[in-house]
Protein backbone atom coordinates (compact mmCIF):
# COMPACT_ATOMS: atom_id res chain seq x y z
CA UNK A 1 32.20 -16.47 -50.40
CA UNK A 2 32.66 -12.85 -49.09
CA UNK A 3 34.20 -13.13 -45.49
CA UNK A 4 31.97 -10.13 -44.61
CA UNK A 5 28.75 -11.73 -45.21
CA UNK A 6 26.32 -11.81 -42.23
CA UNK A 7 24.53 -15.10 -41.59
CA UNK A 8 21.24 -14.55 -39.52
CA UNK A 9 19.45 -17.22 -37.54
CA UNK A 10 16.05 -18.67 -39.19
CA UNK A 11 13.26 -18.05 -37.13
CA UNK A 12 10.04 -19.61 -36.87
CA UNK A 13 6.87 -18.39 -38.64
CA UNK A 14 4.95 -15.96 -36.56
CA UNK A 15 7.52 -15.37 -34.08
CA UNK A 16 8.71 -11.82 -33.19
CA UNK A 17 12.53 -10.96 -32.92
CA UNK A 18 12.96 -7.99 -30.58
CA UNK A 19 16.96 -7.69 -30.21
CA UNK A 20 16.58 -4.63 -27.84
CA UNK A 21 14.21 -6.72 -25.57
CA UNK A 22 17.09 -9.64 -25.90
CA UNK A 23 19.69 -6.96 -24.89
CA UNK A 24 17.87 -5.94 -21.88
CA UNK A 25 17.19 -9.51 -20.71
CA UNK A 26 20.91 -10.47 -21.03
CA UNK A 27 21.91 -7.21 -18.91
CA UNK A 28 19.23 -8.27 -16.60
CA UNK A 29 20.44 -11.68 -16.24
CA UNK A 30 24.03 -10.44 -15.83
CA UNK A 31 23.04 -7.99 -13.24
CA UNK A 32 20.76 -10.71 -11.02
CA UNK A 33 23.78 -13.08 -11.27
CA UNK A 34 26.33 -10.45 -9.83
CA UNK A 35 23.76 -9.62 -7.28
CA UNK A 36 23.45 -13.07 -6.13
CA UNK A 37 27.24 -13.63 -6.12
CA UNK A 38 27.64 -10.29 -4.13
CA UNK A 39 24.76 -11.39 -1.53
CA UNK A 40 26.27 -14.61 -1.06
CA UNK A 41 29.84 -12.98 -0.54
CA UNK A 42 28.80 -10.64 2.23
CA UNK A 43 26.94 -13.27 3.92
CA UNK A 44 30.17 -15.21 4.18
CA UNK A 45 32.17 -12.07 5.22
CA UNK A 46 30.01 -11.55 8.09
CA UNK A 47 31.25 -14.54 9.83
CA UNK A 48 34.98 -14.24 8.56
CA UNK A 49 36.39 -14.22 12.25
CA UNK A 50 34.52 -17.69 12.99
CA UNK A 51 37.10 -20.46 12.46
CA UNK A 52 37.41 -23.98 13.06
CA UNK A 53 39.82 -25.44 15.50
CA UNK A 54 42.34 -25.85 12.77
CA UNK A 55 42.07 -22.08 11.91
CA UNK A 56 40.24 -22.51 8.67
CA UNK A 57 37.31 -20.21 8.16
CA UNK A 58 33.89 -21.89 9.39
CA UNK A 59 31.38 -20.27 6.63
CA UNK A 60 32.40 -20.57 3.16
CA UNK A 61 31.26 -20.21 -0.37
CA UNK A 62 29.94 -23.70 -1.64
CA UNK A 63 29.37 -23.26 -5.56
CA UNK A 64 26.11 -22.97 -7.03
CA UNK A 65 23.27 -24.70 -7.58
CA UNK A 66 21.69 -26.15 -10.93
CA UNK A 67 20.49 -23.36 -13.44
CA UNK A 68 16.85 -22.87 -13.29
CA UNK A 69 14.35 -20.44 -14.90
CA UNK A 70 12.82 -17.35 -13.30
CA UNK A 71 9.81 -15.78 -14.79
CA UNK A 72 10.15 -12.05 -14.50
CA UNK A 73 8.24 -8.91 -16.13
CA UNK A 74 10.93 -8.92 -19.36
CA UNK A 75 10.49 -12.71 -19.76
CA UNK A 76 12.29 -15.89 -17.96
CA UNK A 77 16.00 -15.40 -16.85
CA UNK A 78 18.16 -18.44 -16.47
CA UNK A 79 19.93 -17.95 -12.80
CA UNK A 80 21.80 -20.13 -10.57
CA UNK A 81 21.33 -20.04 -6.74
CA UNK A 82 24.72 -19.64 -4.64
CA UNK A 83 25.36 -21.92 -1.63
CA UNK A 84 26.89 -21.51 1.37
CA UNK A 85 28.56 -23.85 3.78
CA UNK A 86 29.24 -24.25 7.36
CA UNK A 87 32.01 -26.46 8.06
CA UNK A 88 31.53 -26.89 11.84
CA UNK A 89 30.63 -29.99 13.05
CA UNK A 90 27.38 -28.77 14.88
CA UNK A 91 23.78 -29.88 15.15
CA UNK A 92 21.33 -28.77 12.71
CA UNK A 93 19.87 -26.33 15.25
CA UNK A 94 23.09 -24.52 15.40
CA UNK A 95 24.29 -24.56 11.77
CA UNK A 96 24.67 -21.17 10.37
CA UNK A 97 22.19 -21.12 7.38
CA UNK A 98 22.38 -18.84 4.26
CA UNK A 99 18.81 -17.87 2.53
CA UNK A 100 18.85 -15.58 -0.41
CA UNK A 101 16.57 -12.53 -0.02
CA UNK A 102 16.98 -11.94 -3.88
CA UNK A 103 16.11 -15.38 -4.77
CA UNK A 104 14.20 -17.70 -2.36
CA UNK A 105 15.01 -21.23 -2.69
CA UNK A 106 11.83 -22.46 -4.49
CA UNK A 107 11.00 -19.24 -6.27
CA UNK A 108 9.85 -19.69 -9.95
CA UNK A 109 8.70 -16.13 -10.22
CA UNK A 110 9.58 -12.44 -9.50
CA UNK A 111 7.47 -11.07 -6.74
CA UNK A 112 6.54 -8.14 -9.05
CA UNK A 113 5.03 -10.92 -11.46
CA UNK A 114 2.87 -12.38 -8.46
CA UNK A 115 1.58 -8.94 -8.00
CA UNK A 116 0.53 -9.08 -11.79
CA UNK A 117 -1.90 -11.73 -11.13
CA UNK A 118 -4.38 -9.96 -8.80
CA UNK A 119 -4.16 -7.07 -11.20
CA UNK A 120 -5.13 -9.40 -14.16
CA UNK A 121 -8.13 -10.71 -12.05
CA UNK A 122 -9.18 -7.27 -11.21
CA UNK A 123 -9.31 -6.29 -15.04
CA UNK A 124 -11.65 -9.16 -15.74
CA UNK A 125 -9.28 -11.66 -16.95
CA UNK A 126 -10.61 -15.16 -16.08
CA UNK A 127 -8.55 -17.83 -14.71
CA UNK A 128 -9.03 -19.76 -17.85
CA UNK A 129 -7.34 -16.90 -19.86
CA UNK A 130 -4.57 -16.27 -17.70
CA UNK A 131 -1.93 -18.40 -19.81
CA UNK A 132 -3.16 -16.30 -23.02
CA UNK A 133 -2.94 -13.12 -21.19
CA UNK A 134 0.67 -13.78 -19.57
CA UNK A 135 1.95 -15.07 -22.97
CA UNK A 136 1.04 -11.96 -24.60
CA UNK A 137 2.75 -9.95 -21.95
CA UNK A 138 6.06 -12.06 -21.37
CA UNK A 139 6.35 -13.83 -24.21
CA UNK A 140 5.89 -17.67 -25.25
CA UNK A 141 7.92 -19.12 -22.94
CA UNK A 142 6.07 -18.86 -19.65
CA UNK A 143 6.12 -22.55 -18.45
CA UNK A 144 5.35 -21.68 -14.90
CA UNK A 145 2.40 -19.74 -15.21
CA UNK A 146 -0.16 -22.59 -16.17
CA UNK A 147 -3.70 -22.35 -15.00
CA UNK A 148 -3.08 -25.04 -12.14
CA UNK A 149 0.01 -23.24 -10.84
CA UNK A 150 -2.21 -20.14 -10.77
CA UNK A 151 -4.88 -22.04 -9.13
CA UNK A 152 -2.58 -23.14 -6.54
CA UNK A 153 -1.27 -19.76 -6.05
CA UNK A 154 -4.74 -18.06 -5.40
CA UNK A 155 -5.60 -20.64 -2.73
CA UNK A 156 -2.21 -19.36 -1.25
CA UNK A 157 -3.60 -15.96 -1.29
CA UNK A 158 -6.20 -17.02 1.21
CA UNK A 159 -3.73 -18.43 3.80
CA UNK A 160 -1.66 -15.05 3.68
CA UNK A 161 -4.44 -13.14 4.37
CA UNK A 162 -5.92 -15.23 7.23
CA UNK A 163 -2.14 -14.88 8.70
CA UNK A 164 -2.12 -11.39 8.15
CA UNK A 165 -5.58 -10.99 9.97
CA UNK A 166 -4.09 -13.06 13.15
CA UNK A 167 -0.72 -10.91 13.34
CA UNK A 168 0.10 -9.60 16.85
CA UNK A 169 -0.18 -5.98 17.11
CA UNK A 170 1.17 -5.31 20.83
CA UNK A 171 4.37 -3.78 19.19
CA UNK A 172 2.70 -1.81 16.93
CA UNK A 173 1.82 2.13 17.48
CA UNK A 174 0.03 4.44 14.80
CA UNK A 175 0.10 8.04 15.33
CA UNK A 176 -2.59 8.77 12.55
CA UNK A 177 -4.83 6.45 10.75
CA UNK A 178 -7.14 6.88 7.60
CA UNK A 179 -10.37 4.92 7.35
CA UNK A 180 -12.56 4.42 4.11
CA UNK A 181 -14.94 1.99 2.71
CA UNK A 182 -14.01 0.69 -0.68
CA UNK A 183 -16.65 -0.46 -3.29
CA UNK A 184 -15.99 -2.74 -6.09
CA UNK A 185 -18.19 -3.44 -9.09
CA UNK A 186 -18.11 -7.00 -8.66
CA UNK A 187 -20.84 -9.87 -8.22
CA UNK A 188 -21.29 -9.16 -4.96
CA UNK A 189 -24.18 -10.20 -2.67
CA UNK A 190 -27.51 -7.65 -2.80
CA UNK A 191 -26.37 -5.71 0.34
CA UNK A 192 -24.34 -2.95 0.13
CA UNK A 193 -21.03 -4.58 1.15
CA UNK A 194 -17.79 -2.98 0.90
CA UNK A 195 -13.84 -3.14 1.73
CA UNK A 196 -13.50 -1.84 5.24
CA UNK A 197 -9.97 -0.16 5.34
CA UNK A 198 -7.68 1.34 7.96
CA UNK A 199 -4.18 2.84 6.83
CA UNK A 200 -1.96 4.11 9.78
CA UNK A 201 1.39 6.13 10.20
CA UNK A 202 3.87 4.71 12.31
CA UNK A 203 6.30 6.54 14.57
CA UNK A 204 8.80 6.47 12.03
CA UNK A 205 6.50 7.88 9.43
CA UNK A 206 6.07 4.67 7.32
CA UNK A 207 2.34 4.00 6.24
CA UNK A 208 0.88 0.61 6.57
CA UNK A 209 -2.14 -1.46 5.93
CA UNK A 210 -3.84 -1.86 9.55
CA UNK A 211 -7.08 -3.21 8.91
CA UNK A 212 -8.82 -4.80 6.08
CA UNK A 213 -12.25 -6.73 6.11
CA UNK A 214 -15.63 -6.68 4.55
CA UNK A 215 -18.17 -4.93 6.11
CA UNK A 216 -20.91 -2.49 5.62
CA UNK A 217 -19.43 1.05 5.07
CA UNK A 218 -21.91 3.22 6.91
CA UNK A 219 -22.49 0.46 9.67
CA UNK A 220 -21.05 1.68 13.19
CA UNK A 221 -21.24 -2.25 14.09
CA UNK A 222 -19.09 -3.25 11.09
CA UNK A 223 -16.43 -0.75 11.91
CA UNK A 224 -16.72 -1.50 15.57
CA UNK A 225 -15.83 -5.06 14.79
CA UNK A 226 -12.79 -4.17 12.82
CA UNK A 227 -11.47 -1.94 15.79
CA UNK A 228 -12.28 -4.12 18.48
CA UNK A 229 -10.28 -6.82 16.59
CA UNK A 230 -7.18 -4.67 16.07
CA UNK A 231 -7.40 -3.78 19.82
CA UNK A 232 -7.73 -7.37 20.84
CA UNK A 233 -4.50 -8.25 18.87
CA UNK A 234 -2.47 -5.75 21.07
CA UNK A 235 -3.28 -2.38 19.49
CA UNK A 236 -3.49 -0.42 22.80
CA UNK A 237 -2.26 3.09 22.26
CA UNK A 238 -4.96 4.98 20.52
CA UNK A 239 -4.12 7.17 17.60
CA UNK A 240 -3.61 10.72 18.00
CA UNK A 241 -5.70 11.42 14.74
CA UNK A 242 -8.21 9.73 12.71
CA UNK A 243 -9.10 10.87 9.22
CA UNK A 244 -12.22 10.10 7.17
CA UNK A 245 -15.30 10.79 5.57
CA UNK A 246 -17.82 12.03 7.28
CA UNK A 247 -20.75 9.73 6.39
CA UNK A 248 -18.91 6.81 7.76
CA UNK A 249 -20.32 4.85 11.15
CA UNK A 250 -16.80 4.60 11.63
CA UNK A 251 -16.80 7.80 13.94
CA UNK A 252 -19.18 6.24 16.29
CA UNK A 253 -17.24 3.34 16.65
CA UNK A 254 -13.96 4.87 17.07
CA UNK A 255 -15.40 6.82 20.22
CA UNK A 256 -16.27 3.61 21.56
CA UNK A 257 -13.15 1.82 21.09
CA UNK A 258 -10.54 4.55 21.11
CA UNK A 259 -12.25 7.70 22.73
CA UNK A 260 -9.49 9.84 23.09
CA UNK A 261 -8.58 9.89 19.41
CA UNK A 262 -9.21 13.35 17.56
CA UNK A 263 -11.38 13.40 14.53
CA UNK A 264 -10.40 14.98 11.07
CA UNK A 265 -13.04 15.03 8.36
CA UNK A 266 -11.74 14.60 4.76
CA UNK A 267 -11.73 17.91 2.90
CA UNK A 268 -11.95 15.85 -0.42
CA UNK A 269 -15.40 14.31 0.32
CA UNK A 270 -16.38 17.35 2.14
CA UNK A 271 -15.96 19.59 -0.65
CA UNK A 272 -17.73 17.21 -2.99
CA UNK A 273 -20.75 17.07 -0.68
CA UNK A 274 -20.94 20.89 -0.42
CA UNK A 275 -20.58 21.29 -4.24
CA UNK A 276 -23.62 18.84 -4.74
CA UNK A 277 -25.49 21.61 -3.35
CA UNK A 278 -24.73 24.43 -5.97
CA UNK A 279 -25.50 24.46 -9.81
CA UNK A 280 -22.89 23.19 -11.95
CA UNK A 281 -21.96 26.88 -13.05
CA UNK A 282 -21.12 27.77 -9.98
CA UNK A 283 -19.02 25.16 -8.99
CA UNK A 284 -15.69 26.33 -9.99
CA UNK A 285 -16.03 29.49 -7.81
CA UNK A 286 -17.28 27.45 -4.94
CA UNK A 287 -14.35 25.31 -5.07
CA UNK A 288 -11.93 28.06 -5.03
CA UNK A 289 -13.53 29.28 -2.18
CA UNK A 290 -13.53 25.99 -0.32
CA UNK A 291 -9.88 25.82 -1.36
CA UNK A 292 -9.43 29.29 0.39
CA UNK A 293 -10.74 27.77 3.67
CA UNK A 294 -9.12 24.39 3.55
CA UNK A 295 -5.66 25.85 2.58
CA UNK A 296 -5.58 28.72 5.14
CA UNK A 297 -2.35 29.29 6.71
CA UNK A 298 -3.79 29.45 10.21
CA UNK A 299 -7.20 28.45 11.85
CA UNK A 300 -8.39 32.12 12.45
CA UNK A 301 -7.86 32.70 8.37
CA UNK A 302 -9.82 29.60 7.84
CA UNK A 303 -12.43 30.68 10.09
CA UNK A 304 -12.57 34.03 8.66
CA UNK A 305 -12.98 32.43 5.24
CA UNK A 306 -15.90 30.26 6.46
CA UNK A 307 -17.63 33.29 7.53
CA UNK A 308 -17.19 34.90 3.85
CA UNK A 309 -18.29 31.79 2.31
CA UNK A 310 -21.74 32.25 4.42
CA UNK A 311 -22.09 35.79 3.71
CA UNK A 312 -21.95 34.82 -0.03
CA UNK A 313 -23.97 32.06 -0.35
CA UNK A 314 -26.02 31.78 2.64
CA UNK A 315 -29.41 33.35 1.06
CA UNK A 316 -29.75 31.13 -1.65
CA UNK A 317 -27.73 28.27 -0.78
CA UNK A 318 -28.12 27.57 2.72
CA UNK A 319 -28.14 23.73 2.34
CA UNK A 320 -24.46 23.94 1.04
CA UNK A 321 -23.50 26.44 3.75
CA UNK A 322 -24.97 24.14 6.49
CA UNK A 323 -23.02 21.14 5.06
CA UNK A 324 -19.87 22.75 5.38
CA UNK A 325 -20.40 24.73 8.79
CA UNK A 326 -21.85 21.84 10.72
CA UNK A 327 -18.32 20.09 10.74
CA UNK A 328 -16.19 22.96 11.51
CA UNK A 329 -14.13 21.42 14.40
CA UNK A 330 -13.26 18.36 12.87
CA UNK A 331 -12.60 19.91 9.47
CA UNK A 332 -10.12 22.17 11.23
CA UNK A 333 -8.35 19.60 13.55
CA UNK A 334 -5.16 19.60 11.52
CA UNK A 335 -4.07 23.14 12.58
CA UNK A 336 -3.54 21.51 15.96
CA UNK A 337 -0.46 18.94 14.19
CA UNK A 338 2.69 19.80 12.50
CA UNK A 339 2.35 21.92 9.18
CA UNK A 340 4.62 19.31 7.44
CA UNK A 341 1.78 16.75 8.17
CA UNK A 342 -1.20 18.63 6.77
CA UNK A 343 -0.83 17.40 3.35
CA UNK A 344 -1.54 13.88 4.56
CA UNK A 345 -4.12 15.14 7.29
CA UNK A 346 -6.41 17.04 5.26
CA UNK A 347 -7.92 14.30 3.40
CA UNK A 348 -8.19 10.55 3.28
CA UNK A 349 -6.03 10.70 0.14
CA UNK A 350 -3.53 8.04 1.27
CA UNK A 351 -6.24 5.46 1.07
CA UNK A 352 -7.85 7.13 -1.95
CA UNK A 353 -4.41 6.70 -3.82
CA UNK A 354 -3.71 3.22 -2.48
CA UNK A 355 -7.04 2.14 -4.11
CA UNK A 356 -7.02 4.06 -7.29
CA UNK A 357 -5.72 1.06 -9.12
CA UNK A 358 -8.44 -1.18 -7.93
CA UNK A 359 -11.75 0.81 -7.31
CA UNK A 360 -14.28 0.00 -9.51
CA UNK A 361 -11.82 -2.32 -11.82
CA UNK A 362 -13.96 -5.47 -11.43
CA UNK A 363 -16.36 -5.65 -14.23
CA UNK A 364 -20.15 -7.20 -14.41
CA UNK A 365 -19.55 -10.27 -16.74
CA UNK A 366 -20.42 -13.87 -16.45
CA UNK A 367 -16.74 -14.24 -15.01
CA UNK A 368 -17.26 -11.36 -12.24
CA UNK A 369 -15.62 -12.11 -9.08
CA UNK A 370 -17.32 -13.18 -5.83
CA UNK A 371 -17.11 -10.80 -2.80
CA UNK A 372 -14.75 -13.48 -1.30
CA UNK A 373 -12.59 -13.54 -4.29
CA UNK A 374 -12.57 -9.75 -4.91
CA UNK A 375 -11.16 -9.37 -1.14
CA UNK A 376 -8.49 -11.46 -1.63
CA UNK A 377 -7.37 -10.16 -5.04
CA UNK A 378 -7.48 -6.37 -3.70
CA UNK A 379 -5.81 -7.34 -0.44
CA UNK A 380 -2.97 -9.34 -2.41
CA UNK A 381 -2.36 -6.20 -4.62
CA UNK A 382 -2.19 -3.52 -1.57
CA UNK A 383 0.18 -5.85 0.25
CA UNK A 384 2.07 -5.74 -3.07
CA UNK A 385 1.87 -1.98 -3.51
CA UNK A 386 2.59 -1.01 0.35
CA UNK A 387 6.13 -1.82 -0.61
CA UNK A 388 6.23 1.44 -2.46
CA UNK A 389 4.38 3.85 -0.08
CA UNK A 390 6.34 6.92 0.64
CA UNK A 391 6.85 7.97 4.09
CA UNK A 392 4.95 11.04 5.65
CA UNK A 393 6.73 14.52 5.29
CA UNK A 394 8.22 16.07 8.71
CA UNK A 395 8.81 12.59 10.26
CA UNK A 396 11.06 14.64 12.61
CA UNK A 397 7.83 15.97 14.03
CA UNK A 398 6.22 12.49 14.73
CA UNK A 399 8.01 12.14 18.28
CA UNK A 400 6.76 15.65 19.44
CA UNK A 401 3.22 14.31 18.40
CA UNK A 402 3.55 11.50 20.61
CA UNK A 403 4.83 12.94 23.37
CA UNK A 404 1.91 15.37 23.57
CA UNK A 405 3.50 18.30 22.43
CA UNK A 406 0.94 21.16 21.58
CA UNK A 407 0.79 22.61 18.34
CA UNK A 408 -0.90 25.91 17.19
CA UNK A 409 -1.24 26.45 13.52
CA UNK A 410 1.25 23.87 12.60
CA UNK A 411 3.93 24.85 15.06
CA UNK A 412 5.25 24.11 18.58
CA UNK A 413 2.75 26.31 20.82
CA UNK A 414 5.43 27.99 22.48
CA UNK A 415 7.10 29.03 19.11
CA UNK A 416 3.73 30.19 18.01
CA UNK A 417 3.30 32.59 20.88
CA UNK A 418 6.86 33.78 20.36
CA UNK A 419 6.35 34.73 17.00
CA UNK A 420 3.07 36.49 17.81
CA UNK A 421 4.95 38.64 20.50
CA UNK A 422 7.63 39.50 18.09
């Protein structure tokens, strides 16, 4: 027999051999094992100065737990949890305990995989078809994702939502907020209900989901209930600026609950409303003219561009001109804030981009979602996505906004005056 003969293992009929996936999985397993070991070692090192009476180190590494399988986006990975022991003879309440942030004690799935489940729901996959869909995505070895497990997981989403809705906001402040109403094509009640969404920018420039509940988009009462609830749970300091669509009942509610907050109408929605007043053949040219206004370097330039727009179109398209000019003050409010923030403040795109992956994803089928289920799916998906939201540009300017420093055309007022004098 030739010593160079290669013996290949036999594979079951119908199975697919993918060496690249196997290499990636083995690499991921080794990286995960190294990360878990380093996490435990770092924890022990934090308490290196704590000693027992005989001089021995109090907190030490204590081996690993039994091997278990974690379901991930590239299939199952076998891992072992590292254990840490506190050797001091103290009560349970004073014992130093180690909990892995990478691999929680009872975890059986990666967090990204948990985020996949609401995506599948929103794609129209029924609970009974989950196992088949997940097997196609992750391979045949998905023992922890049976319909029973998924059913228990979805029940937990309601508990997560309830806890989030009761969270204390007394230590929170939001410099800017964005509001929108998000409709989903699900099997909902006859009335025009939607998800009322409020996002906020913290003083550190992070974007957070602030408010989320079912209501009527144009209803001031629905928005009032949401805002009053936020205030009742401790959100005492009003935002400096709120951004939203001009058609929302949100503005009336905002003036009642947070009367000191400035208004910024969304240019994306305004442009769409204005364009509806023009023939399709004219819309590219009108769009360019509207961008000249919304992206003007100064308020004076924007007002001059509005006058030009009126002169060009008022004779034949007065309705479109009126649609634009009735909201001048609210459309140009962003000029009184740092120029670095204009990209974020001109539109409600922070909410638009967040919900781009879920808007209109549900389908009208026999398995279409109820309003309650759709709400939980969207909330769970958004919470998972929020971990990757990028910060605002120019975060160093946010303290100035909070302190009430005046800005003119995007720069501190004194600097603006000096520039004009020069």
